[in-house]
Amino acid sequence: MRRPRLAYPFTVLPQDDTVRLVAGEDFRYTLTGPALQTWLPGLLARCSGKETLESLLAQFDQQRRAEAQQLIERLYGERVLVDGPASAAHVVRQYGRQVIGQGALYERLCRELMPDEGQPSVNVLCQDRLDYAAALTAGRKSRQALEPFLWVSYGALQRAYVSPLFLANAGPCIGCLLRTFQRLSPAPDVYDALLHHDSDGRTFAAAEFPQEGLDILDALTCWKLTQAEVKEPPAALFRLHVLERATMEVTTHRVFVDPECSECRGGRP
């Protein structure tokens, strides 16, 4: 689901049948069309990354909507427009918490977080094994239910992950993240083998993780759940946290939408 925003701080210069976009000295675009200056500047002013493309186009009649759609696709192709970050689609509300999965961290979070069936929930999947198919399934169910999703795993053994808060209608998904892991891996074919490993009931070996590491993962997970209910959450809520087992060092990394992701179709168009 696209939420377009301008890639640069463009100054919009309308003239008869013409709209120019200028950002500094290096980015200049000229668009022309009958009466273009009467509607395009207003449309661009609303391209902040918060509104969906559908809501932006809803203000126009059918003929103008088709014209605007074509122009927006052109601006995406020129990288004048890009998709807004997941944080722009963040909605302030109180969430329930649903914890699923297995392992020591799962058991801890089940004791700490009370589930609430009466409101939208953040679904937290805890994994102590490399069952990526289960992670994709949990992420898919959350998107279908229009609920946020959080993935916490120490199945990698030497490091552990606390995912970004994956939103159902914006930003990357768990599939985008796993495809990134696969592209960076020296043995990418292993990911395909792991995805199909449980297709006939085969099991995964569970990893163990130090108690000190579990304490950190617990704190990060609970912190992200708290920040999900804040009006203006920190950017770290939508970043991947990586905990190194050997040093207990935590780093954060931005996760991008994968344009070829089979799960969210590269941004849910």
Protein backbone atom coordinates (compact mmCIF):
# COMPACT_ATOMS: atom_id res chain seq x y z
CA MET A 1 0.00 0.00 0.00
CA ARG A 2 1.84 3.07 -1.23
CA ARG A 3 2.11 6.21 0.88
CA PRO A 4 3.97 8.62 -1.42
CA ARG A 5 6.21 11.40 -0.20
CA LEU A 6 8.58 13.77 -2.00
CA ALA A 7 12.14 12.47 -2.00
CA TYR A 8 13.62 15.96 -1.56
CA PRO A 9 12.41 19.34 -0.21
CA PHE A 10 11.05 20.52 -3.54
CA THR A 11 9.85 24.05 -4.14
CA VAL A 12 6.77 23.83 -6.36
CA LEU A 13 6.56 26.55 -9.05
CA PRO A 14 3.16 26.61 -10.82
CA GLN A 15 2.60 28.45 -14.10
CA ASP A 16 0.04 28.16 -16.88
CA ASP A 17 -0.15 24.47 -17.83
CA THR A 18 3.22 23.92 -16.14
CA VAL A 19 4.52 22.84 -12.74
CA ARG A 20 8.23 22.93 -11.93
CA LEU A 21 9.83 21.12 -9.01
CA VAL A 22 13.13 22.48 -7.76
CA ALA A 23 15.29 21.06 -4.96
CA GLY A 24 18.61 22.87 -4.69
CA GLU A 25 20.64 23.28 -7.86
CA ASP A 26 20.79 19.65 -8.95
CA PHE A 27 17.18 18.42 -8.94
CA ARG A 28 14.83 20.15 -11.36
CA TYR A 29 11.76 18.69 -13.02
CA THR A 30 9.27 20.32 -15.38
CA LEU A 31 5.81 18.82 -15.85
CA THR A 32 3.33 20.10 -18.40
CA GLY A 33 -0.32 19.46 -19.16
CA PRO A 34 -3.63 21.28 -19.57
CA ALA A 35 -4.49 23.14 -16.35
CA LEU A 36 -1.85 21.14 -14.48
CA GLN A 37 -1.17 24.08 -12.16
CA THR A 38 -4.74 23.95 -10.84
CA TRP A 39 -4.49 20.57 -9.12
CA LEU A 40 -0.95 19.13 -9.06
CA PRO A 41 0.56 21.52 -6.44
CA GLY A 42 -2.21 20.65 -3.99
CA LEU A 43 -1.71 16.94 -4.59
CA LEU A 44 2.06 17.19 -4.07
CA ALA A 45 1.53 19.18 -0.86
CA ARG A 46 -0.32 16.18 0.58
CA CYS A 47 2.43 13.72 -0.39
CA SER A 48 3.94 13.52 3.09
CA GLY A 49 4.11 9.74 3.43
CA LYS A 50 1.14 9.64 5.81
CA GLU A 51 -1.74 9.22 3.35
CA THR A 52 -2.22 6.23 1.08
CA LEU A 53 -2.21 6.70 -2.65
CA GLU A 54 -5.86 5.67 -2.73
CA SER A 55 -6.87 8.43 -0.33
CA LEU A 56 -4.87 11.01 -2.28
CA LEU A 57 -6.60 10.10 -5.53
CA ALA A 58 -10.08 9.91 -3.99
CA GLN A 59 -10.50 13.69 -4.27
CA PHE A 60 -10.56 13.56 -8.09
CA ASP A 61 -13.17 12.48 -10.60
CA GLN A 62 -12.48 9.39 -12.69
CA GLN A 63 -10.76 11.17 -15.58
CA ARG A 64 -8.53 13.33 -13.38
CA ARG A 65 -7.80 10.34 -11.14
CA ALA A 66 -6.42 8.39 -14.09
CA GLU A 67 -4.28 11.36 -15.10
CA ALA A 68 -2.98 11.80 -11.56
CA GLN A 69 -2.27 8.08 -11.23
CA GLN A 70 -0.19 8.11 -14.42
CA LEU A 71 1.73 11.18 -13.29
CA ILE A 72 2.44 9.70 -9.86
CA GLU A 73 3.81 6.53 -11.45
CA ARG A 74 6.08 8.69 -13.58
CA LEU A 75 7.31 10.59 -10.53
CA TYR A 76 7.99 7.29 -8.75
CA GLY A 77 10.00 6.17 -11.76
CA GLU A 78 12.06 9.37 -11.62
CA ARG A 79 12.52 8.97 -7.83
CA VAL A 80 10.80 12.29 -7.25
CA LEU A 81 8.28 10.38 -5.14
CA VAL A 82 9.22 7.55 -2.79
CA ASP A 83 7.25 5.54 -0.25
CA GLY A 84 6.98 7.06 3.21
CA PRO A 85 8.59 5.20 6.13
CA ALA A 86 6.62 2.87 8.34
CA SER A 87 6.73 5.47 11.12
CA ALA A 88 4.58 7.80 9.00
CA ALA A 89 1.78 5.22 9.06
CA HIS A 90 2.00 4.72 12.82
CA VAL A 91 -1.36 4.92 14.62
CA VAL A 92 -1.50 5.77 18.32
CA ARG A 93 -3.56 3.25 20.27
CA GLN A 94 -3.37 0.86 23.18
CA TYR A 95 -2.53 -2.62 21.96
CA GLY A 96 -3.05 -6.02 23.39
CA ARG A 97 -0.07 -8.36 23.39
CA GLN A 98 -0.14 -11.89 22.00
CA VAL A 99 2.99 -14.00 22.46
CA ILE A 100 3.51 -17.12 20.36
CA GLY A 101 6.45 -19.42 19.66
CA GLN A 102 8.72 -21.48 21.87
CA GLY A 103 11.85 -21.30 24.00
CA ALA A 104 13.01 -19.68 27.22
CA LEU A 105 12.24 -16.12 26.10
CA TYR A 106 8.73 -17.17 25.03
CA GLU A 107 8.10 -18.58 28.50
CA ARG A 108 9.37 -15.39 30.15
CA LEU A 109 7.25 -13.09 28.01
CA CYS A 110 4.17 -15.24 28.55
CA ARG A 111 4.58 -14.66 32.28
CA GLU A 112 5.20 -10.92 31.89
CA LEU A 113 2.72 -9.92 29.19
CA MET A 114 -0.97 -10.46 29.74
CA PRO A 115 -2.86 -11.22 26.51
CA ASP A 116 -5.88 -9.10 25.64
CA GLU A 117 -8.43 -10.46 23.18
CA GLY A 118 -10.61 -7.33 23.20
CA GLN A 119 -8.47 -4.99 21.10
CA PRO A 120 -5.95 -5.06 18.24
CA SER A 121 -2.82 -6.87 19.36
CA VAL A 122 0.85 -6.72 18.65
CA ASN A 123 1.70 -10.32 17.82
CA VAL A 124 5.12 -11.31 19.20
CA LEU A 125 6.74 -14.44 17.77
CA CYS A 126 9.61 -15.80 19.89
CA GLN A 127 11.86 -18.38 18.26
CA ASP A 128 14.82 -20.40 19.50
CA ARG A 129 15.25 -22.19 16.14
CA LEU A 130 15.66 -21.38 12.46
CA ASP A 131 12.06 -22.05 11.49
CA TYR A 132 11.69 -19.26 8.94
CA ALA A 133 8.54 -20.76 7.45
CA ALA A 134 6.79 -20.33 10.81
CA ALA A 135 8.01 -16.72 10.97
CA LEU A 136 6.61 -15.99 7.51
CA THR A 137 3.31 -17.63 8.42
CA ALA A 138 2.99 -15.59 11.62
CA GLY A 139 3.80 -12.38 9.75
CA ARG A 140 1.25 -13.22 7.06
CA LYS A 141 -1.50 -13.86 9.61
CA SER A 142 -0.76 -10.54 11.32
CA ARG A 143 -0.99 -8.63 8.03
CA GLN A 144 -4.27 -10.32 7.18
CA ALA A 145 -5.63 -9.37 10.62
CA LEU A 146 -4.28 -5.79 10.18
CA GLU A 147 -2.20 -6.18 13.33
CA PRO A 148 1.45 -5.24 14.01
CA PHE A 149 4.01 -8.01 14.25
CA LEU A 150 7.27 -8.37 16.18
CA TRP A 151 9.81 -11.17 15.64
CA VAL A 152 12.32 -12.06 18.35
CA SER A 153 14.78 -14.87 17.65
CA TYR A 154 18.03 -16.31 18.96
CA GLY A 155 17.90 -19.29 16.61
CA ALA A 156 21.02 -17.94 14.87
CA LEU A 157 22.92 -18.99 18.05
CA GLN A 158 25.78 -16.48 17.84
CA ARG A 159 23.43 -13.51 17.67
CA ALA A 160 19.81 -12.66 18.36
CA TYR A 161 17.32 -10.38 16.64
CA VAL A 162 14.49 -8.12 17.71
CA SER A 163 12.76 -7.08 14.53
CA PRO A 164 11.32 -3.71 13.64
CA LEU A 165 7.68 -3.30 14.50
CA PHE A 166 6.20 -4.61 11.25
CA LEU A 167 3.01 -2.76 10.32
CA ALA A 168 0.24 -4.41 8.35
CA ASN A 169 -0.16 -1.63 5.80
CA ALA A 170 3.22 0.09 5.48
CA GLY A 171 6.96 -0.47 5.54
CA PRO A 172 8.84 -3.76 5.19
CA CYS A 173 7.62 -7.15 6.38
CA ILE A 174 9.33 -10.19 7.87
CA GLY A 175 9.73 -11.52 4.33
CA CYS A 176 11.70 -8.40 3.33
CA LEU A 177 13.98 -8.93 6.33
CA LEU A 178 14.63 -12.61 5.62
CA ARG A 179 15.34 -11.87 1.95
CA THR A 180 17.93 -9.32 3.13
CA PHE A 181 19.53 -11.95 5.36
CA GLN A 182 19.62 -14.36 2.44
CA ARG A 183 21.25 -11.87 0.06
CA LEU A 184 23.96 -11.09 2.63
CA SER A 185 24.60 -14.73 3.52
CA PRO A 186 27.68 -16.57 2.15
CA ALA A 187 25.40 -19.62 1.76
CA PRO A 188 22.05 -18.24 0.51
CA ASP A 189 20.81 -21.67 -0.58
CA VAL A 190 20.63 -22.69 3.10
CA TYR A 191 17.71 -20.29 3.55
CA ASP A 192 15.70 -22.08 0.87
CA ALA A 193 16.50 -25.43 2.49
CA LEU A 194 15.39 -24.14 5.92
CA LEU A 195 12.14 -22.79 4.50
CA HIS A 196 11.20 -26.22 3.20
CA HIS A 197 12.64 -28.29 6.03
CA ASP A 198 9.40 -28.72 7.99
CA SER A 199 7.26 -29.46 4.94
CA ASP A 200 7.10 -33.13 5.87
CA GLY A 201 7.23 -32.81 9.64
CA ARG A 202 11.00 -32.63 10.18
CA THR A 203 12.13 -30.79 13.30
CA PHE A 204 14.62 -27.99 14.02
CA ALA A 205 17.38 -28.00 16.61
CA ALA A 206 16.73 -25.46 19.35
CA ALA A 207 19.46 -23.01 20.33
CA GLU A 208 20.32 -21.96 23.85
CA PHE A 209 21.18 -18.38 24.80
CA PRO A 210 22.82 -16.90 27.92
CA GLN A 211 20.52 -15.57 30.62
CA GLU A 212 22.16 -12.14 30.33
CA GLY A 213 21.28 -12.13 26.64
CA LEU A 214 17.71 -13.15 27.38
CA ASP A 215 17.48 -10.24 29.81
CA ILE A 216 18.46 -7.84 27.04
CA LEU A 217 16.05 -9.39 24.52
CA ASP A 218 13.27 -9.25 27.10
CA ALA A 219 13.96 -5.57 27.80
CA LEU A 220 14.15 -4.66 24.10
CA THR A 221 10.91 -6.48 23.32
CA CYS A 222 9.00 -4.86 26.18
CA TRP A 223 10.45 -1.46 25.27
CA LYS A 224 9.26 -1.80 21.67
CA LEU A 225 5.80 -2.83 22.83
CA THR A 226 5.65 0.27 25.02
CA GLN A 227 6.90 2.57 22.24
CA ALA A 228 4.24 1.20 19.87
CA GLU A 229 1.68 3.09 21.95
CA VAL A 230 3.55 6.43 21.91
CA LYS A 231 2.32 9.24 19.65
CA GLU A 232 5.77 9.99 18.23
CA PRO A 233 7.86 6.85 18.78
CA PRO A 234 11.63 6.85 18.24
CA ALA A 235 12.97 5.68 14.91
CA ALA A 236 14.50 2.68 16.67
CA LEU A 237 11.03 1.14 16.99
CA PHE A 238 11.14 0.53 13.24
CA ARG A 239 14.75 -0.70 13.11
CA LEU A 240 16.26 -4.17 13.53
CA HIS A 241 18.15 -4.72 16.80
CA VAL A 242 20.97 -7.27 16.66
CA LEU A 243 22.50 -8.66 19.88
CA GLU A 244 25.93 -10.32 19.56
CA ARG A 245 26.32 -13.28 21.91
CA ALA A 246 30.08 -12.95 22.37
CA THR A 247 30.14 -9.28 23.37
CA MET A 248 26.52 -8.50 24.36
CA GLU A 249 26.78 -5.57 21.95
CA VAL A 250 23.51 -4.30 20.47
CA THR A 251 23.43 -2.61 17.08
CA THR A 252 20.50 -1.28 15.05
CA HIS A 253 19.93 -1.47 11.32
CA ARG A 254 17.35 -0.03 8.97
CA VAL A 255 15.24 -2.60 7.12
CA PHE A 256 14.11 -1.65 3.62
CA VAL A 257 11.10 -2.79 1.64
CA ASP A 258 12.20 -5.48 -0.79
CA PRO A 259 10.59 -4.68 -4.17
CA GLU A 260 10.54 -8.40 -5.04
CA CYS A 261 9.23 -9.69 -1.71
CA SER A 262 6.65 -12.40 -2.35
CA GLU A 263 5.03 -11.79 1.05
CA CYS A 264 4.14 -8.10 0.86
CA ARG A 265 4.64 -7.75 -2.92
CA GLY A 266 7.28 -5.08 -2.38
CA GLY A 267 5.13 -2.68 -0.35
CA ARG A 268 1.58 -4.02 -0.77
CA PRO A 269 0.61 -2.11 -3.96
